[in-house]
Amino acid sequence: MIKKTPSWLAIAGDRVTVTLTRPSEANGVQVDKLNLRAPTVRDMRTAHQTGGADDEQREMNLFASLAEVSTKDLEGLTLKDYTRLQTGYFRLVQEDEL
C-alpha cells in the first residue's frame, strides 16, 4: 500500500523538505522549512555515541545533524512540527515499494 505524501512534505532523492506550521529559529534565522538529508551509517553511529542510553537524545542528535541545525533549534519547534520531521525522516529511510 502506497502512502500519500502530505502537502507539507517534499521528497527529492536523498532529502526531504518539511514545511513548518509556523516559522522557527534555525542557526539564528527564522525559517518556515527544514531540510533533512538521508542519514549515513556514520550519522547513526555518532548519534548513538553522543546520545548514550537516552533514545530521545539520540534522535535529537541525529535530526540536528541531518538538518544542520542545533538540538536547541529543534527543541524550539512545536511538537506538531517535530512530528513532521519524524515523518520526513521515516520516509527517507523506508524501503521503496516493490
PDB file of N, CA and C in Angstrom:
ATOM      1  N   MET A   1       0.836  -1.180   0.000  1.00  0.00           N
ATOM      2  CA  MET A   1       0.000   0.000   0.000  1.00  0.00           C
ATOM      3  C   MET A   1       0.885   1.249   0.000  1.00  0.00           C
ATOM      4  N   ILE A   2       0.702   2.138  -0.944  1.00  0.00           N
ATOM      5  CA  ILE A   2       1.494   3.354  -1.042  1.00  0.00           C
ATOM      6  C   ILE A   2       0.806   4.455  -0.250  1.00  0.00           C
ATOM      7  N   LYS A   3       1.586   5.095   0.635  1.00  0.00           N
ATOM      8  CA  LYS A   3       1.042   6.181   1.436  1.00  0.00           C
ATOM      9  C   LYS A   3       1.104   7.476   0.653  1.00  0.00           C
ATOM     10  N   LYS A   4       0.040   8.264   0.762  1.00  0.00           N
ATOM     11  CA  LYS A   4       0.007   9.571   0.112  1.00  0.00           C
ATOM     12  C   LYS A   4       0.976  10.503   0.836  1.00  0.00           C
ATOM     13  N   THR A   5       1.731  11.269   0.071  1.00  0.00           N
ATOM     14  CA  THR A   5       2.670  12.220   0.664  1.00  0.00           C
ATOM     15  C   THR A   5       1.901  13.457   1.108  1.00  0.00           C
ATOM     16  N   PRO A   6       2.054  13.857   2.379  1.00  0.00           N
ATOM     17  CA  PRO A   6       1.352  15.055   2.862  1.00  0.00           C
ATOM     18  C   PRO A   6       1.808  16.303   2.095  1.00  0.00           C
ATOM     19  N   SER A   7       0.961  17.297   2.037  1.00  0.00           N
ATOM     20  CA  SER A   7       1.276  18.530   1.295  1.00  0.00           C
ATOM     21  C   SER A   7       2.454  19.277   1.911  1.00  0.00           C
ATOM     22  N   TRP A   8       2.723  19.080   3.195  1.00  0.00           N
ATOM     23  CA  TRP A   8       3.814  19.787   3.875  1.00  0.00           C
ATOM     24  C   TRP A   8       5.163  19.069   3.749  1.00  0.00           C
ATOM     25  N   LEU A   9       5.203  17.969   2.989  1.00  0.00           N
ATOM     26  CA  LEU A   9       6.428  17.179   2.846  1.00  0.00           C
ATOM     27  C   LEU A   9       6.808  17.049   1.376  1.00  0.00           C
ATOM     28  N   ALA A  10       8.038  17.433   1.055  1.00  0.00           N
ATOM     29  CA  ALA A  10       8.557  17.279  -0.308  1.00  0.00           C
ATOM     30  C   ALA A  10       9.741  16.314  -0.259  1.00  0.00           C
ATOM     31  N   ILE A  11       9.689  15.273  -1.073  1.00  0.00           N
ATOM     32  CA  ILE A  11      10.738  14.260  -1.106  1.00  0.00           C
ATOM     33  C   ILE A  11      11.484  14.396  -2.424  1.00  0.00           C
ATOM     34  N   ALA A  12      12.797  14.538  -2.334  1.00  0.00           N
ATOM     35  CA  ALA A  12      13.623  14.678  -3.538  1.00  0.00           C
ATOM     36  C   ALA A  12      14.882  13.847  -3.374  1.00  0.00           C
ATOM     37  N   GLY A  13      14.845  12.636  -3.893  1.00  0.00           N
ATOM     38  CA  GLY A  13      16.029  11.772  -3.842  1.00  0.00           C
ATOM     39  C   GLY A  13      16.453  11.442  -2.436  1.00  0.00           C
ATOM     40  N   ASP A  14      17.590  11.991  -2.027  1.00  0.00           N
ATOM     41  CA  ASP A  14      18.145  11.656  -0.712  1.00  0.00           C
ATOM     42  C   ASP A  14      17.921  12.757   0.315  1.00  0.00           C
ATOM     43  N   ARG A  15      16.821  13.525   0.134  1.00  0.00           N
ATOM     44  CA  ARG A  15      16.491  14.545   1.130  1.00  0.00           C
ATOM     45  C   ARG A  15      14.997  14.819   1.137  1.00  0.00           C
ATOM     46  N   VAL A  16      14.528  15.337   2.275  1.00  0.00           N
ATOM     47  CA  VAL A  16      13.131  15.758   2.383  1.00  0.00           C
ATOM     48  C   VAL A  16      13.105  17.204   2.874  1.00  0.00           C
ATOM     49  N   THR A  17      12.071  17.913   2.471  1.00  0.00           N
ATOM     50  CA  THR A  17      11.839  19.272   2.951  1.00  0.00           C
ATOM     51  C   THR A  17      10.511  19.262   3.687  1.00  0.00           C
ATOM     52  N   VAL A  18      10.557  19.716   4.939  1.00  0.00           N
ATOM     53  CA  VAL A  18       9.374  19.754   5.795  1.00  0.00           C
ATOM     54  C   VAL A  18       8.960  21.209   5.978  1.00  0.00           C
ATOM     55  N   THR A  19       7.723  21.523   5.595  1.00  0.00           N
ATOM     56  CA  THR A  19       7.181  22.861   5.826  1.00  0.00           C
ATOM     57  C   THR A  19       6.633  22.907   7.246  1.00  0.00           C
ATOM     58  N   LEU A  20       7.067  23.895   8.009  1.00  0.00           N
ATOM     59  CA  LEU A  20       6.649  24.036   9.405  1.00  0.00           C
ATOM     60  C   LEU A  20       5.293  24.734   9.492  1.00  0.00           C
ATOM     61  N   THR A  21       4.585  24.504  10.586  1.00  0.00           N
ATOM     62  CA  THR A  21       3.290  25.155  10.777  1.00  0.00           C
ATOM     63  C   THR A  21       3.448  26.630  11.111  1.00  0.00           C
ATOM     64  N   ARG A  22       4.607  26.987  11.663  1.00  0.00           N
ATOM     65  CA  ARG A  22       4.913  28.389  11.942  1.00  0.00           C
ATOM     66  C   ARG A  22       6.428  28.558  11.882  1.00  0.00           C
ATOM     67  N   PRO A  23       6.894  29.756  11.553  1.00  0.00           N
ATOM     68  CA  PRO A  23       8.339  29.978  11.481  1.00  0.00           C
ATOM     69  C   PRO A  23       9.018  29.677  12.815  1.00  0.00           C
ATOM     70  N   SER A  24      10.241  29.200  12.720  1.00  0.00           N
ATOM     71  CA  SER A  24      11.026  28.868  13.896  1.00  0.00           C
ATOM     72  C   SER A  24      12.466  29.276  13.644  1.00  0.00           C
ATOM     73  N   GLU A  25      13.229  29.431  14.706  1.00  0.00           N
ATOM     74  CA  GLU A  25      14.624  29.842  14.551  1.00  0.00           C
ATOM     75  C   GLU A  25      15.514  28.632  14.286  1.00  0.00           C
ATOM     76  N   ALA A  26      16.381  28.770  13.286  1.00  0.00           N
ATOM     77  CA  ALA A  26      17.375  27.741  12.965  1.00  0.00           C
ATOM     78  C   ALA A  26      18.657  28.450  12.558  1.00  0.00           C
ATOM     79  N   ASN A  27      19.706  28.192  13.278  1.00  0.00           N
ATOM     80  CA  ASN A  27      21.003  28.834  13.014  1.00  0.00           C
ATOM     81  C   ASN A  27      20.904  30.362  13.022  1.00  0.00           C
ATOM     82  N   GLY A  28      20.066  30.887  13.923  1.00  0.00           N
ATOM     83  CA  GLY A  28      19.972  32.331  14.110  1.00  0.00           C
ATOM     84  C   GLY A  28      19.058  33.063  13.148  1.00  0.00           C
ATOM     85  N   VAL A  29      18.373  32.350  12.264  1.00  0.00           N
ATOM     86  CA  VAL A  29      17.439  32.994  11.337  1.00  0.00           C
ATOM     87  C   VAL A  29      16.080  32.308  11.415  1.00  0.00           C
ATOM     88  N   GLN A  30      15.042  33.039  11.061  1.00  0.00           N
ATOM     89  CA  GLN A  30      13.689  32.481  11.039  1.00  0.00           C
ATOM     90  C   GLN A  30      13.506  31.675   9.753  1.00  0.00           C
ATOM     91  N   VAL A  31      13.028  30.449   9.883  1.00  0.00           N
ATOM     92  CA  VAL A  31      12.784  29.593   8.724  1.00  0.00           C
ATOM     93  C   VAL A  31      11.366  29.051   8.790  1.00  0.00           C
ATOM     94  N   ASP A  32      10.806  28.754   7.611  1.00  0.00           N
ATOM     95  CA  ASP A  32       9.482  28.129   7.585  1.00  0.00           C
ATOM     96  C   ASP A  32       9.569  26.704   7.046  1.00  0.00           C
ATOM     97  N   LYS A  33      10.798  26.262   6.708  1.00  0.00           N
ATOM     98  CA  LYS A  33      11.027  24.897   6.230  1.00  0.00           C
ATOM     99  C   LYS A  33      12.347  24.396   6.786  1.00  0.00           C
ATOM    100  N   LEU A  34      12.423  23.083   6.968  1.00  0.00           N
ATOM    101  CA  LEU A  34      13.680  22.437   7.338  1.00  0.00           C
ATOM    102  C   LEU A  34      13.923  21.292   6.369  1.00  0.00           C
ATOM    103  N   ASN A  35      15.178  21.132   5.981  1.00  0.00           N
ATOM    104  CA  ASN A  35      15.586  20.030   5.109  1.00  0.00           C
ATOM    105  C   ASN A  35      16.297  18.976   5.932  1.00  0.00           C
ATOM    106  N   LEU A  36      16.006  17.730   5.643  1.00  0.00           N
ATOM    107  CA  LEU A  36      16.739  16.606   6.238  1.00  0.00           C
ATOM    108  C   LEU A  36      17.390  15.836   5.100  1.00  0.00           C
ATOM    109  N   ARG A  37      18.679  15.576   5.227  1.00  0.00           N
ATOM    110  CA  ARG A  37      19.347  14.720   4.251  1.00  0.00           C
ATOM    111  C   ARG A  37      19.273  13.287   4.745  1.00  0.00           C
ATOM    112  N   ALA A  38      19.468  12.348   3.841  1.00  0.00           N
ATOM    113  CA  ALA A  38      19.448  10.937   4.222  1.00  0.00           C
ATOM    114  C   ALA A  38      20.626  10.641   5.151  1.00  0.00           C
ATOM    115  N   PRO A  39      20.401   9.845   6.187  1.00  0.00           N
ATOM    116  CA  PRO A  39      21.486   9.542   7.131  1.00  0.00           C
ATOM    117  C   PRO A  39      22.471   8.535   6.559  1.00  0.00           C
ATOM    118  N   THR A  40      23.697   8.652   7.034  1.00  0.00           N
ATOM    119  CA  THR A  40      24.727   7.665   6.719  1.00  0.00           C
ATOM    120  C   THR A  40      24.918   6.774   7.946  1.00  0.00           C
ATOM    121  N   VAL A  41      25.643   5.706   7.764  1.00  0.00           N
ATOM    122  CA  VAL A  41      25.976   4.844   8.900  1.00  0.00           C
ATOM    123  C   VAL A  41      26.754   5.653   9.932  1.00  0.00           C
ATOM    124  N   ARG A  42      27.637   6.529   9.472  1.00  0.00           N
ATOM    125  CA  ARG A  42      28.408   7.387  10.391  1.00  0.00           C
ATOM    126  C   ARG A  42      27.478   8.252  11.229  1.00  0.00           C
ATOM    127  N   ASP A  43      26.442   8.832  10.610  1.00  0.00           N
ATOM    128  CA  ASP A  43      25.476   9.649  11.353  1.00  0.00           C
ATOM    129  C   ASP A  43      24.824   8.838  12.468  1.00  0.00           C
ATOM    130  N   MET A  44      24.426   7.622  12.142  1.00  0.00           N
ATOM    131  CA  MET A  44      23.766   6.762  13.128  1.00  0.00           C
ATOM    132  C   MET A  44      24.716   6.426  14.273  1.00  0.00           C
ATOM    133  N   ARG A  45      25.942   6.076  13.941  1.00  0.00           N
ATOM    134  CA  ARG A  45      26.937   5.728  14.975  1.00  0.00           C
ATOM    135  C   ARG A  45      27.224   6.924  15.885  1.00  0.00           C
ATOM    136  N   THR A  46      27.383   8.090  15.279  1.00  0.00           N
ATOM    137  CA  THR A  46      27.655   9.296  16.070  1.00  0.00           C
ATOM    138  C   THR A  46      26.490   9.619  16.993  1.00  0.00           C
ATOM    139  N   ALA A  47      25.268   9.525  16.491  1.00  0.00           N
ATOM    140  CA  ALA A  47      24.088   9.801  17.320  1.00  0.00           C
ATOM    141  C   ALA A  47      24.018   8.832  18.494  1.00  0.00           C
ATOM    142  N   HIS A  48      24.339   7.564  18.260  1.00  0.00           N
ATOM    143  CA  HIS A  48      24.323   6.580  19.347  1.00  0.00           C
ATOM    144  C   HIS A  48      25.420   6.869  20.366  1.00  0.00           C
ATOM    145  N   GLN A  49      26.581   7.264  19.893  1.00  0.00           N
ATOM    146  CA  GLN A  49      27.698   7.550  20.806  1.00  0.00           C
ATOM    147  C   GLN A  49      27.425   8.789  21.655  1.00  0.00           C
ATOM    148  N   THR A  50      26.837   9.821  21.053  1.00  0.00           N
ATOM    149  CA  THR A  50      26.619  11.072  21.789  1.00  0.00           C
ATOM    150  C   THR A  50      25.329  11.070  22.605  1.00  0.00           C
ATOM    151  N   GLY A  51      24.402  10.180  22.278  1.00  0.00           N
ATOM    152  CA  GLY A  51      23.128  10.151  22.989  1.00  0.00           C
ATOM    153  C   GLY A  51      23.073   9.161  24.128  1.00  0.00           C
ATOM    154  N   GLY A  52      24.074   8.297  24.197  1.00  0.00           N
ATOM    155  CA  GLY A  52      24.102   7.306  25.266  1.00  0.00           C
ATOM    156  C   GLY A  52      22.872   6.420  25.243  1.00  0.00           C
ATOM    157  N   ALA A  53      22.321   6.173  26.425  1.00  0.00           N
ATOM    158  CA  ALA A  53      21.158   5.288  26.555  1.00  0.00           C
ATOM    159  C   ALA A  53      19.834   6.033  26.377  1.00  0.00           C
ATOM    160  N   ASP A  54      19.889   7.338  26.129  1.00  0.00           N
ATOM    161  CA  ASP A  54      18.692   8.166  26.017  1.00  0.00           C
ATOM    162  C   ASP A  54      18.205   8.178  24.561  1.00  0.00           C
ATOM    163  N   ASP A  55      17.138   7.429  24.276  1.00  0.00           N
ATOM    164  CA  ASP A  55      16.606   7.331  22.912  1.00  0.00           C
ATOM    165  C   ASP A  55      16.212   8.691  22.339  1.00  0.00           C
ATOM    166  N   GLU A  56      15.576   9.522  23.163  1.00  0.00           N
ATOM    167  CA  GLU A  56      15.148  10.838  22.679  1.00  0.00           C
ATOM    168  C   GLU A  56      16.350  11.701  22.310  1.00  0.00           C
ATOM    169  N   GLN A  57      17.401  11.657  23.132  1.00  0.00           N
ATOM    170  CA  GLN A  57      18.585  12.461  22.845  1.00  0.00           C
ATOM    171  C   GLN A  57      19.295  11.972  21.584  1.00  0.00           C
ATOM    172  N   ARG A  58      19.336  10.667  21.405  1.00  0.00           N
ATOM    173  CA  ARG A  58      19.950  10.117  20.187  1.00  0.00           C
ATOM    174  C   ARG A  58      19.204  10.608  18.951  1.00  0.00           C
ATOM    175  N   GLU A  59      17.868  10.572  19.014  1.00  0.00           N
ATOM    176  CA  GLU A  59      17.073  11.038  17.875  1.00  0.00           C
ATOM    177  C   GLU A  59      17.290  12.529  17.638  1.00  0.00           C
ATOM    178  N   MET A  60      17.302  13.332  18.699  1.00  0.00           N
ATOM    179  CA  MET A  60      17.541  14.770  18.559  1.00  0.00           C
ATOM    180  C   MET A  60      18.909  15.028  17.933  1.00  0.00           C
ATOM    181  N   ASN A  61      19.933  14.317  18.395  1.00  0.00           N
ATOM    182  CA  ASN A  61      21.285  14.488  17.846  1.00  0.00           C
ATOM    183  C   ASN A  61      21.309  14.132  16.357  1.00  0.00           C
ATOM    184  N   LEU A  62      20.645  13.044  16.009  1.00  0.00           N
ATOM    185  CA  LEU A  62      20.610  12.610  14.619  1.00  0.00           C
ATOM    186  C   LEU A  62      19.886  13.637  13.750  1.00  0.00           C
ATOM    187  N   PHE A  63      18.700  14.068  14.154  1.00  0.00           N
ATOM    188  CA  PHE A  63      17.926  15.023  13.367  1.00  0.00           C
ATOM    189  C   PHE A  63      18.663  16.354  13.240  1.00  0.00           C
ATOM    190  N   ALA A  64      19.316  16.804  14.320  1.00  0.00           N
ATOM    191  CA  ALA A  64      20.074  18.056  14.264  1.00  0.00           C
ATOM    192  C   ALA A  64      21.195  17.943  13.235  1.00  0.00           C
ATOM    193  N   SER A  65      21.862  16.814  13.206  1.00  0.00           N
ATOM    194  CA  SER A  65      22.928  16.600  12.229  1.00  0.00           C
ATOM    195  C   SER A  65      22.376  16.589  10.809  1.00  0.00           C
ATOM    196  N   LEU A  66      21.283  15.883  10.596  1.00  0.00           N
ATOM    197  CA  LEU A  66      20.706  15.768   9.253  1.00  0.00           C
ATOM    198  C   LEU A  66      20.146  17.092   8.751  1.00  0.00           C
ATOM    199  N   ALA A  67      19.645  17.915   9.656  1.00  0.00           N
ATOM    200  CA  ALA A  67      19.070  19.215   9.280  1.00  0.00           C
ATOM    201  C   ALA A  67      20.110  20.340   9.330  1.00  0.00           C
ATOM    202  N   GLU A  68      21.289  20.025   9.859  1.00  0.00           N
ATOM    203  CA  GLU A  68      22.366  21.009  10.008  1.00  0.00           C
ATOM    204  C   GLU A  68      21.922  22.201  10.853  1.00  0.00           C
ATOM    205  N   VAL A  69      21.293  21.874  11.987  1.00  0.00           N
ATOM    206  CA  VAL A  69      20.889  22.862  12.985  1.00  0.00           C
ATOM    207  C   VAL A  69      21.318  22.324  14.348  1.00  0.00           C
ATOM    208  N   SER A  70      21.125  23.115  15.397  1.00  0.00           N
ATOM    209  CA  SER A  70      21.470  22.648  16.737  1.00  0.00           C
ATOM    210  C   SER A  70      20.283  21.926  17.371  1.00  0.00           C
ATOM    211  N   THR A  71      20.573  21.136  18.389  1.00  0.00           N
ATOM    212  CA  THR A  71      19.484  20.478  19.114  1.00  0.00           C
ATOM    213  C   THR A  71      18.599  21.531  19.785  1.00  0.00           C
ATOM    214  N   LYS A  72      19.180  22.665  20.184  1.00  0.00           N
ATOM    215  CA  LYS A  72      18.386  23.750  20.782  1.00  0.00           C
ATOM    216  C   LYS A  72      17.371  24.280  19.777  1.00  0.00           C
ATOM    217  N   ASP A  73      17.770  24.364  18.493  1.00  0.00           N
ATOM    218  CA  ASP A  73      16.822  24.797  17.461  1.00  0.00           C
ATOM    219  C   ASP A  73      15.660  23.815  17.374  1.00  0.00           C
ATOM    220  N   LEU A  74      15.957  22.526  17.404  1.00  0.00           N
ATOM    221  CA  LEU A  74      14.893  21.519  17.329  1.00  0.00           C
ATOM    222  C   LEU A  74      13.996  21.566  18.550  1.00  0.00           C
ATOM    223  N   GLU A  75      14.576  21.843  19.711  1.00  0.00           N
ATOM    224  CA  GLU A  75      13.779  21.927  20.937  1.00  0.00           C
ATOM    225  C   GLU A  75      12.807  23.099  20.894  1.00  0.00           C
ATOM    226  N   GLY A  76      13.080  24.106  20.047  1.00  0.00           N
ATOM    227  CA  GLY A  76      12.193  25.257  19.915  1.00  0.00           C
ATOM    228  C   GLY A  76      11.026  25.020  18.975  1.00  0.00           C
ATOM    229  N   LEU A  77      11.014  23.888  18.284  1.00  0.00           N
ATOM    230  CA  LEU A  77       9.901  23.576  17.385  1.00  0.00           C
ATOM    231  C   LEU A  77       8.653  23.214  18.176  1.00  0.00           C
ATOM    232  N   THR A  78       7.491  23.453  17.578  1.00  0.00           N
ATOM    233  CA  THR A  78       6.265  22.947  18.190  1.00  0.00           C
ATOM    234  C   THR A  78       6.300  21.418  18.081  1.00  0.00           C
ATOM    235  N   LEU A  79       5.558  20.745  18.912  1.00  0.00           N
ATOM    236  CA  LEU A  79       5.517  19.289  18.858  1.00  0.00           C
ATOM    237  C   LEU A  79       4.998  18.813  17.505  1.00  0.00           C
ATOM    238  N   LYS A  80       4.026  19.531  16.949  1.00  0.00           N
ATOM    239  CA  LYS A  80       3.486  19.166  15.638  1.00  0.00           C
ATOM    240  C   LYS A  80       4.581  19.225  14.571  1.00  0.00           C
ATOM    241  N   ASP A  81       5.417  20.265  14.601  1.00  0.00           N
ATOM    242  CA  ASP A  81       6.491  20.375  13.616  1.00  0.00           C
ATOM    243  C   ASP A  81       7.573  19.317  13.836  1.00  0.00           C
ATOM    244  N   TYR A  82       7.859  18.999  15.084  1.00  0.00           N
ATOM    245  CA  TYR A  82       8.837  17.947  15.348  1.00  0.00           C
ATOM    246  C   TYR A  82       8.310  16.595  14.837  1.00  0.00           C
ATOM    247  N   THR A  83       7.017  16.365  15.004  1.00  0.00           N
ATOM    248  CA  THR A  83       6.403  15.145  14.484  1.00  0.00           C
ATOM    249  C   THR A  83       6.500  15.105  12.960  1.00  0.00           C
ATOM    250  N   ARG A  84       6.380  16.261  12.318  1.00  0.00           N
ATOM    251  CA  ARG A  84       6.561  16.322  10.866  1.00  0.00           C
ATOM    252  C   ARG A  84       7.994  15.920  10.484  1.00  0.00           C
ATOM    253  N   LEU A  85       8.978  16.393  11.257  1.00  0.00           N
ATOM    254  CA  LEU A  85      10.367  15.989  10.995  1.00  0.00           C
ATOM    255  C   LEU A  85      10.528  14.479  11.118  1.00  0.00           C
ATOM    256  N   GLN A  86       9.921  13.905  12.161  1.00  0.00           N
ATOM    257  CA  GLN A  86       9.993  12.451  12.331  1.00  0.00           C
ATOM    258  C   GLN A  86       9.397  11.737  11.124  1.00  0.00           C
ATOM    259  N   THR A  87       8.255  12.209  10.660  1.00  0.00           N
ATOM    260  CA  THR A  87       7.607  11.612   9.493  1.00  0.00           C
ATOM    261  C   THR A  87       8.524  11.704   8.275  1.00  0.00           C
ATOM    262  N   GLY A  88       9.121  12.872   8.074  1.00  0.00           N
ATOM    263  CA  GLY A  88      10.047  13.056   6.963  1.00  0.00           C
ATOM    264  C   GLY A  88      11.228  12.112   7.051  1.00  0.00           C
ATOM    265  N   TYR A  89      11.768  11.951   8.242  1.00  0.00           N
ATOM    266  CA  TYR A  89      12.896  11.041   8.443  1.00  0.00           C
ATOM    267  C   TYR A  89      12.510   9.610   8.067  1.00  0.00           C
ATOM    268  N   PHE A  90      11.375   9.162   8.544  1.00  0.00           N
ATOM    269  CA  PHE A  90      10.973   7.782   8.265  1.00  0.00           C
ATOM    270  C   PHE A  90      10.680   7.571   6.786  1.00  0.00           C
ATOM    271  N   ARG A  91      10.211   8.600   6.094  1.00  0.00           N
ATOM    272  CA  ARG A  91      10.032   8.492   4.643  1.00  0.00           C
ATOM    273  C   ARG A  91      11.388   8.358   3.943  1.00  0.00           C
ATOM    274  N   LEU A  92      12.410   9.013   4.496  1.00  0.00           N
ATOM    275  CA  LEU A  92      13.753   8.930   3.910  1.00  0.00           C
ATOM    276  C   LEU A  92      14.372   7.546   4.028  1.00  0.00           C
ATOM    277  N   VAL A  93      14.129   6.901   5.147  1.00  0.00           N
ATOM    278  CA  VAL A  93      14.824   5.639   5.418  1.00  0.00           C
ATOM    279  C   VAL A  93      13.998   4.396   5.102  1.00  0.00           C
ATOM    280  N   GLN A  94      12.725   4.564   4.770  1.00  0.00           N
ATOM    281  CA  GLN A  94      11.909   3.389   4.486  1.00  0.00           C
ATOM    282  C   GLN A  94      12.316   2.764   3.160  1.00  0.00           C
ATOM    283  N   GLU A  95      12.108   1.502   3.055  1.00  0.00           N
ATOM    284  CA  GLU A  95      12.413   0.765   1.823  1.00  0.00           C
ATOM    285  C   GLU A  95      11.408   1.148   0.749  1.00  0.00           C
ATOM    286  N   ASP A  96      11.876   1.323  -0.477  1.00  0.00           N
ATOM    287  CA  ASP A  96      10.975   1.625  -1.590  1.00  0.00           C
ATOM    288  C   ASP A  96       9.998   0.481  -1.800  1.00  0.00           C
ATOM    289  N   GLU A  97       8.775   0.838  -2.215  1.00  0.00           N
ATOM    290  CA  GLU A  97       7.765  -0.174  -2.526  1.00  0.00           C
ATOM    291  C   GLU A  97       8.198  -0.956  -3.759  1.00  0.00           C
ATOM    292  N   LEU A  98       7.942  -2.229  -3.764  1.00  0.00           N
ATOM    293  CA  LEU A  98       8.278  -3.057  -4.925  1.00  0.00           C
ATOM    294  C   LEU A  98       7.128  -3.096  -5.899  1.00  0.00           C
TER     295      LEU A  98
END
